[in-house]
Every structure is written in structure tokens, then in C-alpha cells.
Amino acid sequence: MAVVAVVLLVVAVLASRAGRRAAVAALGSVGRWPALIRAEMRGDAPLSDGRADTAATADDRRFDTTPEMPAVRAEPLSPTSTFPQVRHPGR
């Protein structure tokens, strides 16, 4: 019964022009995933379009790495860098 409902819903969506456009966009996006995964495994920049690097872009990205995380300071933060403390009158 649930399968029939899903099939009817898909048919209804694909019957409309907006539904067809949405389906084409979704399938086009999913179709790009293998190229994006291969690009990430090659070490390309995140969210690149999956095309191979040219010599110029490969040289630019060679040293483009994630910056080091700063060390956590041992001393407490100054009062101005935290949320303001509201004092109630008479307390």
C-alpha cells in the first residue's frame, strides 16, 4: 500500500513542470557526486567542480591548508570579551 502511495506521489510530482525541473536539478546534483568525490580524494579544494587542476591552480593550492588551531589560553578572558554582566540595583 505504501509503495502505491509513493508511486502515485512521484507521478503527480513529475506531471507538473516545476516537479520535472526539481527532479532534473536533483538528479543533476547527484550525478556530479562521483566527480566531486574523486576531486576530494585527489586533494583538490573542497567543493571544487570536479575538473582536473591546471598547472596554475595546482601550484596555488599546494600550500592552501587548514590553519593550525590556536592554543587555548590558560589565563581567564578579560571581562570585556565575555557577555556583559547585568547587575540589579539593590542586590
PDB file of N, CA and C in Angstrom:
ATOM      1  N   MET A   1       0.819  -1.192   0.000  1.00  0.00           N
ATOM      2  CA  MET A   1       0.000   0.000   0.000  1.00  0.00           C
ATOM      3  C   MET A   1       0.865   1.260   0.000  1.00  0.00           C
ATOM      4  N   ALA A   2       1.920   1.244   0.815  1.00  0.00           N
ATOM      5  CA  ALA A   2       2.795   2.412   0.885  1.00  0.00           C
ATOM      6  C   ALA A   2       3.541   2.619  -0.428  1.00  0.00           C
ATOM      7  N   VAL A   3       3.886   1.523  -1.096  1.00  0.00           N
ATOM      8  CA  VAL A   3       4.597   1.630  -2.373  1.00  0.00           C
ATOM      9  C   VAL A   3       3.701   2.287  -3.418  1.00  0.00           C
ATOM     10  N   VAL A   4       2.437   1.949  -3.412  1.00  0.00           N
ATOM     11  CA  VAL A   4       1.488   2.540  -4.355  1.00  0.00           C
ATOM     12  C   VAL A   4       1.369   4.034  -4.095  1.00  0.00           C
ATOM     13  N   ALA A   5       1.310   4.421  -2.836  1.00  0.00           N
ATOM     14  CA  ALA A   5       1.210   5.840  -2.489  1.00  0.00           C
ATOM     15  C   ALA A   5       2.448   6.599  -2.950  1.00  0.00           C
ATOM     16  N   VAL A   6       3.616   6.014  -2.780  1.00  0.00           N
ATOM     17  CA  VAL A   6       4.854   6.671  -3.207  1.00  0.00           C
ATOM     18  C   VAL A   6       4.885   6.800  -4.727  1.00  0.00           C
ATOM     19  N   VAL A   7       4.482   5.757  -5.428  1.00  0.00           N
ATOM     20  CA  VAL A   7       4.458   5.800  -6.896  1.00  0.00           C
ATOM     21  C   VAL A   7       3.488   6.871  -7.379  1.00  0.00           C
ATOM     22  N   LEU A   8       2.314   6.953  -6.772  1.00  0.00           N
ATOM     23  CA  LEU A   8       1.347   7.991  -7.152  1.00  0.00           C
ATOM     24  C   LEU A   8       1.887   9.388  -6.868  1.00  0.00           C
ATOM     25  N   LEU A   9       2.581   9.551  -5.772  1.00  0.00           N
ATOM     26  CA  LEU A   9       3.173  10.848  -5.446  1.00  0.00           C
ATOM     27  C   LEU A   9       4.243  11.228  -6.463  1.00  0.00           C
ATOM     28  N   VAL A  10       5.078  10.283  -6.841  1.00  0.00           N
ATOM     29  CA  VAL A  10       6.124  10.557  -7.833  1.00  0.00           C
ATOM     30  C   VAL A  10       5.501  10.917  -9.176  1.00  0.00           C
ATOM     31  N   VAL A  11       4.472  10.201  -9.580  1.00  0.00           N
ATOM     32  CA  VAL A  11       3.791  10.501 -10.844  1.00  0.00           C
ATOM     33  C   VAL A  11       3.170  11.890 -10.789  1.00  0.00           C
ATOM     34  N   ALA A  12       2.559  12.239  -9.679  1.00  0.00           N
ATOM     35  CA  ALA A  12       1.942  13.561  -9.540  1.00  0.00           C
ATOM     36  C   ALA A  12       2.989  14.666  -9.601  1.00  0.00           C
ATOM     37  N   VAL A  13       4.118  14.448  -8.975  1.00  0.00           N
ATOM     38  CA  VAL A  13       5.178  15.465  -8.991  1.00  0.00           C
ATOM     39  C   VAL A  13       5.739  15.615 -10.395  1.00  0.00           C
ATOM     40  N   LEU A  14       5.994  14.495 -11.067  1.00  0.00           N
ATOM     41  CA  LEU A  14       6.573  14.555 -12.408  1.00  0.00           C
ATOM     42  C   LEU A  14       5.590  15.065 -13.453  1.00  0.00           C
ATOM     43  N   ALA A  15       4.304  15.077 -13.133  1.00  0.00           N
ATOM     44  CA  ALA A  15       3.308  15.597 -14.066  1.00  0.00           C
ATOM     45  C   ALA A  15       3.370  17.117 -14.151  1.00  0.00           C
ATOM     46  N   SER A  16       3.855  17.768 -13.127  1.00  0.00           N
ATOM     47  CA  SER A  16       3.928  19.229 -13.148  1.00  0.00           C
ATOM     48  C   SER A  16       5.278  19.684 -13.692  1.00  0.00           C
ATOM     49  N   ARG A  17       5.280  20.856 -14.294  1.00  0.00           N
ATOM     50  CA  ARG A  17       6.512  21.405 -14.858  1.00  0.00           C
ATOM     51  C   ARG A  17       7.530  21.693 -13.756  1.00  0.00           C
ATOM     52  N   ALA A  18       7.083  22.252 -12.644  1.00  0.00           N
ATOM     53  CA  ALA A  18       8.000  22.548 -11.536  1.00  0.00           C
ATOM     54  C   ALA A  18       8.578  21.264 -10.950  1.00  0.00           C
ATOM     55  N   GLY A  19       7.772  20.219 -10.873  1.00  0.00           N
ATOM     56  CA  GLY A  19       8.259  18.944 -10.363  1.00  0.00           C
ATOM     57  C   GLY A  19       9.319  18.339 -11.259  1.00  0.00           C
ATOM     58  N   ARG A  20       9.118  18.451 -12.582  1.00  0.00           N
ATOM     59  CA  ARG A  20      10.127  17.933 -13.515  1.00  0.00           C
ATOM     60  C   ARG A  20      11.424  18.715 -13.402  1.00  0.00           C
ATOM     61  N   ARG A  21      11.314  20.052 -13.275  1.00  0.00           N
ATOM     62  CA  ARG A  21      12.533  20.867 -13.121  1.00  0.00           C
ATOM     63  C   ARG A  21      13.269  20.503 -11.847  1.00  0.00           C
ATOM     64  N   ALA A  22      12.527  20.292 -10.756  1.00  0.00           N
ATOM     65  CA  ALA A  22      13.158  19.919  -9.488  1.00  0.00           C
ATOM     66  C   ALA A  22      13.817  18.551  -9.591  1.00  0.00           C
ATOM     67  N   ALA A  23      13.164  17.613 -10.269  1.00  0.00           N
ATOM     68  CA  ALA A  23      13.743  16.274 -10.421  1.00  0.00           C
ATOM     69  C   ALA A  23      15.013  16.321 -11.254  1.00  0.00           C
ATOM     70  N   VAL A  24      15.010  17.107 -12.332  1.00  0.00           N
ATOM     71  CA  VAL A  24      16.213  17.232 -13.169  1.00  0.00           C
ATOM     72  C   VAL A  24      17.341  17.871 -12.373  1.00  0.00           C
ATOM     73  N   ALA A  25      17.036  18.898 -11.582  1.00  0.00           N
ATOM     74  CA  ALA A  25      18.073  19.548 -10.779  1.00  0.00           C
ATOM     75  C   ALA A  25      18.636  18.593  -9.734  1.00  0.00           C
ATOM     76  N   ALA A  26      17.766  17.831  -9.092  1.00  0.00           N
ATOM     77  CA  ALA A  26      18.235  16.891  -8.063  1.00  0.00           C
ATOM     78  C   ALA A  26      19.085  15.787  -8.676  1.00  0.00           C
ATOM     79  N   LEU A  27      18.637  15.230  -9.795  1.00  0.00           N
ATOM     80  CA  LEU A  27      19.417  14.169 -10.440  1.00  0.00           C
ATOM     81  C   LEU A  27      20.736  14.705 -10.991  1.00  0.00           C
ATOM     82  N   GLY A  28      20.741  15.941 -11.473  1.00  0.00           N
ATOM     83  CA  GLY A  28      21.990  16.543 -11.943  1.00  0.00           C
ATOM     84  C   GLY A  28      22.971  16.747 -10.811  1.00  0.00           C
ATOM     85  N   SER A  29      22.459  17.134  -9.658  1.00  0.00           N
ATOM     86  CA  SER A  29      23.322  17.316  -8.491  1.00  0.00           C
ATOM     87  C   SER A  29      23.898  15.987  -8.027  1.00  0.00           C
ATOM     88  N   VAL A  30      23.062  14.973  -7.958  1.00  0.00           N
ATOM     89  CA  VAL A  30      23.528  13.650  -7.533  1.00  0.00           C
ATOM     90  C   VAL A  30      24.498  13.079  -8.561  1.00  0.00           C
ATOM     91  N   GLY A  31      24.281  13.384  -9.825  1.00  0.00           N
ATOM     92  CA  GLY A  31      25.174  12.905 -10.873  1.00  0.00           C
ATOM     93  C   GLY A  31      26.573  13.480 -10.782  1.00  0.00           C
ATOM     94  N   ARG A  32      26.702  14.647 -10.154  1.00  0.00           N
ATOM     95  CA  ARG A  32      28.029  15.262 -10.005  1.00  0.00           C
ATOM     96  C   ARG A  32      28.805  14.700  -8.826  1.00  0.00           C
ATOM     97  N   TRP A  33      28.164  13.977  -7.927  1.00  0.00           N
ATOM     98  CA  TRP A  33      28.838  13.493  -6.722  1.00  0.00           C
ATOM     99  C   TRP A  33      30.072  12.654  -7.002  1.00  0.00           C
ATOM    100  N   PRO A  34      30.057  11.698  -7.933  1.00  0.00           N
ATOM    101  CA  PRO A  34      31.287  10.917  -8.151  1.00  0.00           C
ATOM    102  C   PRO A  34      32.482  11.782  -8.543  1.00  0.00           C
ATOM    103  N   ALA A  35      32.253  12.790  -9.397  1.00  0.00           N
ATOM    104  CA  ALA A  35      33.353  13.674  -9.787  1.00  0.00           C
ATOM    105  C   ALA A  35      33.840  14.488  -8.594  1.00  0.00           C
ATOM    106  N   LEU A  36      32.924  14.946  -7.756  1.00  0.00           N
ATOM    107  CA  LEU A  36      33.334  15.711  -6.575  1.00  0.00           C
ATOM    108  C   LEU A  36      34.110  14.837  -5.595  1.00  0.00           C
ATOM    109  N   ILE A  37      33.688  13.589  -5.433  1.00  0.00           N
ATOM    110  CA  ILE A  37      34.399  12.680  -4.528  1.00  0.00           C
ATOM    111  C   ILE A  37      35.795  12.403  -5.055  1.00  0.00           C
ATOM    112  N   ARG A  38      35.920  12.169  -6.370  1.00  0.00           N
ATOM    113  CA  ARG A  38      37.252  11.947  -6.947  1.00  0.00           C
ATOM    114  C   ARG A  38      38.126  13.175  -6.772  1.00  0.00           C
ATOM    115  N   ALA A  39      37.556  14.375  -6.927  1.00  0.00           N
ATOM    116  CA  ALA A  39      38.326  15.605  -6.760  1.00  0.00           C
ATOM    117  C   ALA A  39      38.818  15.737  -5.324  1.00  0.00           C
ATOM    118  N   GLU A  40      37.965  15.410  -4.357  1.00  0.00           N
ATOM    119  CA  GLU A  40      38.378  15.479  -2.955  1.00  0.00           C
ATOM    120  C   GLU A  40      39.482  14.474  -2.666  1.00  0.00           C
ATOM    121  N   MET A  41      39.384  13.280  -3.243  1.00  0.00           N
ATOM    122  CA  MET A  41      40.405  12.265  -2.996  1.00  0.00           C
ATOM    123  C   MET A  41      41.731  12.639  -3.649  1.00  0.00           C
ATOM    124  N   ARG A  42      41.677  13.412  -4.745  1.00  0.00           N
ATOM    125  CA  ARG A  42      42.909  13.895  -5.371  1.00  0.00           C
ATOM    126  C   ARG A  42      43.553  14.994  -4.546  1.00  0.00           C
ATOM    127  N   GLY A  43      42.799  15.591  -3.639  1.00  0.00           N
ATOM    128  CA  GLY A  43      43.329  16.676  -2.822  1.00  0.00           C
ATOM    129  C   GLY A  43      42.971  18.042  -3.346  1.00  0.00           C
ATOM    130  N   ASP A  44      41.993  18.122  -4.239  1.00  0.00           N
ATOM    131  CA  ASP A  44      41.563  19.419  -4.739  1.00  0.00           C
ATOM    132  C   ASP A  44      40.878  20.190  -3.620  1.00  0.00           C
ATOM    133  N   ALA A  45      40.650  21.451  -3.866  1.00  0.00           N
ATOM    134  CA  ALA A  45      39.998  22.289  -2.866  1.00  0.00           C
ATOM    135  C   ALA A  45      38.597  21.762  -2.583  1.00  0.00           C
ATOM    136  N   PRO A  46      38.113  21.929  -1.365  1.00  0.00           N
ATOM    137  CA  PRO A  46      36.762  21.472  -1.049  1.00  0.00           C
ATOM    138  C   PRO A  46      35.733  22.137  -1.955  1.00  0.00           C
ATOM    139  N   LEU A  47      34.752  21.352  -2.335  1.00  0.00           N
ATOM    140  CA  LEU A  47      33.636  21.810  -3.156  1.00  0.00           C
ATOM    141  C   LEU A  47      34.066  22.332  -4.519  1.00  0.00           C
ATOM    142  N   SER A  48      35.182  21.826  -5.052  1.00  0.00           N
ATOM    143  CA  SER A  48      35.548  22.207  -6.409  1.00  0.00           C
ATOM    144  C   SER A  48      34.592  21.523  -7.370  1.00  0.00           C
ATOM    145  N   ASP A  49      34.659  21.900  -8.616  1.00  0.00           N
ATOM    146  CA  ASP A  49      33.688  21.373  -9.573  1.00  0.00           C
ATOM    147  C   ASP A  49      34.046  19.996 -10.099  1.00  0.00           C
ATOM    148  N   GLY A  50      35.114  19.391  -9.643  1.00  0.00           N
ATOM    149  CA  GLY A  50      35.464  18.045 -10.049  1.00  0.00           C
ATOM    150  C   GLY A  50      36.347  17.979 -11.269  1.00  0.00           C
ATOM    151  N   ARG A  51      36.664  19.128 -11.872  1.00  0.00           N
ATOM    152  CA  ARG A  51      37.555  19.120 -13.029  1.00  0.00           C
ATOM    153  C   ARG A  51      38.998  19.071 -12.563  1.00  0.00           C
ATOM    154  N   ALA A  52      39.860  18.578 -13.404  1.00  0.00           N
ATOM    155  CA  ALA A  52      41.278  18.486 -13.060  1.00  0.00           C
ATOM    156  C   ALA A  52      41.873  19.887 -12.962  1.00  0.00           C
ATOM    157  N   ASP A  53      42.862  20.033 -12.086  1.00  0.00           N
ATOM    158  CA  ASP A  53      43.542  21.313 -11.927  1.00  0.00           C
ATOM    159  C   ASP A  53      44.429  21.602 -13.125  1.00  0.00           C
ATOM    160  N   THR A  54      44.519  22.877 -13.448  1.00  0.00           N
ATOM    161  CA  THR A  54      45.539  23.296 -14.407  1.00  0.00           C
ATOM    162  C   THR A  54      46.836  23.481 -13.641  1.00  0.00           C
ATOM    163  N   ALA A  55      47.920  23.724 -14.329  1.00  0.00           N
ATOM    164  CA  ALA A  55      49.206  23.898 -13.654  1.00  0.00           C
ATOM    165  C   ALA A  55      49.165  25.106 -12.723  1.00  0.00           C
ATOM    166  N   ALA A  56      48.488  26.162 -13.127  1.00  0.00           N
ATOM    167  CA  ALA A  56      48.440  27.373 -12.302  1.00  0.00           C
ATOM    168  C   ALA A  56      47.647  27.147 -11.021  1.00  0.00           C
ATOM    169  N   THR A  57      46.491  26.497 -11.116  1.00  0.00           N
ATOM    170  CA  THR A  57      45.688  26.306  -9.908  1.00  0.00           C
ATOM    171  C   THR A  57      46.287  25.254  -8.993  1.00  0.00           C
ATOM    172  N   ALA A  58      46.967  24.267  -9.553  1.00  0.00           N
ATOM    173  CA  ALA A  58      47.599  23.250  -8.705  1.00  0.00           C
ATOM    174  C   ALA A  58      48.710  23.874  -7.875  1.00  0.00           C
ATOM    175  N   ASP A  59      49.482  24.789  -8.467  1.00  0.00           N
ATOM    176  CA  ASP A  59      50.544  25.452  -7.705  1.00  0.00           C
ATOM    177  C   ASP A  59      49.963  26.353  -6.631  1.00  0.00           C
ATOM    178  N   ASP A  60      48.843  26.999  -6.922  1.00  0.00           N
ATOM    179  CA  ASP A  60      48.228  27.882  -5.933  1.00  0.00           C
ATOM    180  C   ASP A  60      47.706  27.100  -4.743  1.00  0.00           C
ATOM    181  N   ARG A  61      47.213  25.885  -4.954  1.00  0.00           N
ATOM    182  CA  ARG A  61      46.603  25.114  -3.880  1.00  0.00           C
ATOM    183  C   ARG A  61      47.592  24.275  -3.094  1.00  0.00           C
ATOM    184  N   ARG A  62      48.826  24.218  -3.528  1.00  0.00           N
ATOM    185  CA  ARG A  62      49.767  23.315  -2.870  1.00  0.00           C
ATOM    186  C   ARG A  62      49.933  23.663  -1.399  1.00  0.00           C
ATOM    187  N   PHE A  63      49.952  24.943  -1.058  1.00  0.00           N
ATOM    188  CA  PHE A  63      50.160  25.354   0.328  1.00  0.00           C
ATOM    189  C   PHE A  63      48.874  25.858   0.969  1.00  0.00           C
ATOM    190  N   ASP A  64      47.757  25.637   0.328  1.00  0.00           N
ATOM    191  CA  ASP A  64      46.473  26.082   0.859  1.00  0.00           C
ATOM    192  C   ASP A  64      45.938  25.005   1.798  1.00  0.00           C
ATOM    193  N   THR A  65      46.313  25.098   3.049  1.00  0.00           N
ATOM    194  CA  THR A  65      45.909  24.093   4.027  1.00  0.00           C
ATOM    195  C   THR A  65      45.113  24.748   5.139  1.00  0.00           C
ATOM    196  N   THR A  66      44.546  23.943   5.970  1.00  0.00           N
ATOM    197  CA  THR A  66      43.799  24.444   7.112  1.00  0.00           C
ATOM    198  C   THR A  66      44.773  25.044   8.118  1.00  0.00           C
ATOM    199  N   PRO A  67      44.501  26.245   8.610  1.00  0.00           N
ATOM    200  CA  PRO A  67      45.429  26.839   9.578  1.00  0.00           C
ATOM    201  C   PRO A  67      45.427  26.064  10.888  1.00  0.00           C
ATOM    202  N   GLU A  68      46.512  26.168  11.597  1.00  0.00           N
ATOM    203  CA  GLU A  68      46.608  25.499  12.894  1.00  0.00           C
ATOM    204  C   GLU A  68      45.616  26.128  13.863  1.00  0.00           C
ATOM    205  N   MET A  69      45.075  25.322  14.723  1.00  0.00           N
ATOM    206  CA  MET A  69      44.172  25.840  15.745  1.00  0.00           C
ATOM    207  C   MET A  69      44.996  26.568  16.798  1.00  0.00           C
ATOM    208  N   PRO A  70      44.565  27.730  17.238  1.00  0.00           N
ATOM    209  CA  PRO A  70      45.338  28.427  18.270  1.00  0.00           C
ATOM    210  C   PRO A  70      45.275  27.671  19.596  1.00  0.00           C
ATOM    211  N   ALA A  71      46.322  27.812  20.352  1.00  0.00           N
ATOM    212  CA  ALA A  71      46.369  27.155  21.663  1.00  0.00           C
ATOM    213  C   ALA A  71      45.363  27.808  22.605  1.00  0.00           C
ATOM    214  N   VAL A  72      44.809  27.029  23.490  1.00  0.00           N
ATOM    215  CA  VAL A  72      43.867  27.555  24.472  1.00  0.00           C
ATOM    216  C   VAL A  72      44.662  28.283  25.539  1.00  0.00           C
ATOM    217  N   ARG A  73      44.218  29.495  25.827  1.00  0.00           N
ATOM    218  CA  ARG A  73      44.951  30.280  26.820  1.00  0.00           C
ATOM    219  C   ARG A  73      44.627  29.792  28.224  1.00  0.00           C
ATOM    220  N   ALA A  74      45.631  29.791  29.086  1.00  0.00           N
ATOM    221  CA  ALA A  74      45.436  29.336  30.462  1.00  0.00           C
ATOM    222  C   ALA A  74      44.808  30.422  31.325  1.00  0.00           C
ATOM    223  N   GLU A  75      45.071  31.685  30.999  1.00  0.00           N
ATOM    224  CA  GLU A  75      44.532  32.761  31.832  1.00  0.00           C
ATOM    225  C   GLU A  75      43.074  33.019  31.456  1.00  0.00           C
ATOM    226  N   PRO A  76      42.290  33.499  32.408  1.00  0.00           N
ATOM    227  CA  PRO A  76      40.880  33.775  32.106  1.00  0.00           C
ATOM    228  C   PRO A  76      40.753  34.957  31.147  1.00  0.00           C
ATOM    229  N   LEU A  77      39.673  34.975  30.424  1.00  0.00           N
ATOM    230  CA  LEU A  77      39.430  36.072  29.499  1.00  0.00           C
ATOM    231  C   LEU A  77      39.102  37.342  30.268  1.00  0.00           C
ATOM    232  N   SER A  78      39.397  38.463  29.649  1.00  0.00           N
ATOM    233  CA  SER A  78      39.073  39.740  30.286  1.00  0.00           C
ATOM    234  C   SER A  78      37.556  39.919  30.287  1.00  0.00           C
ATOM    235  N   PRO A  79      37.033  40.680  31.249  1.00  0.00           N
ATOM    236  CA  PRO A  79      35.574  40.847  31.342  1.00  0.00           C
ATOM    237  C   PRO A  79      34.956  41.461  30.090  1.00  0.00           C
ATOM    238  N   THR A  80      35.718  42.243  29.337  1.00  0.00           N
ATOM    239  CA  THR A  80      35.143  42.888  28.158  1.00  0.00           C
ATOM    240  C   THR A  80      34.957  41.917  27.001  1.00  0.00           C
ATOM    241  N   SER A  81      35.611  40.764  27.046  1.00  0.00           N
ATOM    242  CA  SER A  81      35.475  39.843  25.923  1.00  0.00           C
ATOM    243  C   SER A  81      34.401  38.789  26.161  1.00  0.00           C
ATOM    244  N   THR A  82      33.749  38.832  27.298  1.00  0.00           N
ATOM    245  CA  THR A  82      32.674  37.884  27.570  1.00  0.00           C
ATOM    246  C   THR A  82      31.345  38.624  27.541  1.00  0.00           C
ATOM    247  N   PHE A  83      30.273  37.922  27.792  1.00  0.00           N
ATOM    248  CA  PHE A  83      28.976  38.574  27.814  1.00  0.00           C
ATOM    249  C   PHE A  83      28.925  39.583  28.961  1.00  0.00           C
ATOM    250  N   PRO A  84      28.258  40.705  28.744  1.00  0.00           N
ATOM    251  CA  PRO A  84      28.176  41.689  29.822  1.00  0.00           C
ATOM    252  C   PRO A  84      27.382  41.137  31.004  1.00  0.00           C
ATOM    253  N   GLN A  85      27.807  41.493  32.175  1.00  0.00           N
ATOM    254  CA  GLN A  85      27.133  41.062  33.393  1.00  0.00           C
ATOM    255  C   GLN A  85      26.205  42.186  33.845  1.00  0.00           C
ATOM    256  N   VAL A  86      24.917  41.883  33.914  1.00  0.00           N
ATOM    257  CA  VAL A  86      23.941  42.887  34.327  1.00  0.00           C
ATOM    258  C   VAL A  86      23.787  42.789  35.831  1.00  0.00           C
ATOM    259  N   ARG A  87      23.941  43.914  36.489  1.00  0.00           N
ATOM    260  CA  ARG A  87      23.768  43.940  37.947  1.00  0.00           C
ATOM    261  C   ARG A  87      22.430  44.597  38.251  1.00  0.00           C
ATOM    262  N   HIS A  88      21.671  43.957  39.112  1.00  0.00           N
ATOM    263  CA  HIS A  88      20.383  44.509  39.504  1.00  0.00           C
ATOM    264  C   HIS A  88      20.596  45.486  40.650  1.00  0.00           C
ATOM    265  N   PRO A  89      19.924  46.632  40.622  1.00  0.00           N
ATOM    266  CA  PRO A  89      20.077  47.578  41.728  1.00  0.00           C
ATOM    267  C   PRO A  89      19.533  46.992  43.028  1.00  0.00           C
ATOM    268  N   GLY A  90      20.237  47.231  44.085  1.00  0.00           N
ATOM    269  CA  GLY A  90      19.811  46.781  45.400  1.00  0.00           C
ATOM    270  C   GLY A  90      20.248  45.376  45.741  1.00  0.00           C
ATOM    271  N   ARG A  91      21.029  44.762  44.959  1.00  0.00           N
ATOM    272  CA  ARG A  91      21.497  43.417  45.297  1.00  0.00           C
ATOM    273  C   ARG A  91      22.945  43.435  45.639  1.00  0.00           C
TER     274      ARG A  91
END
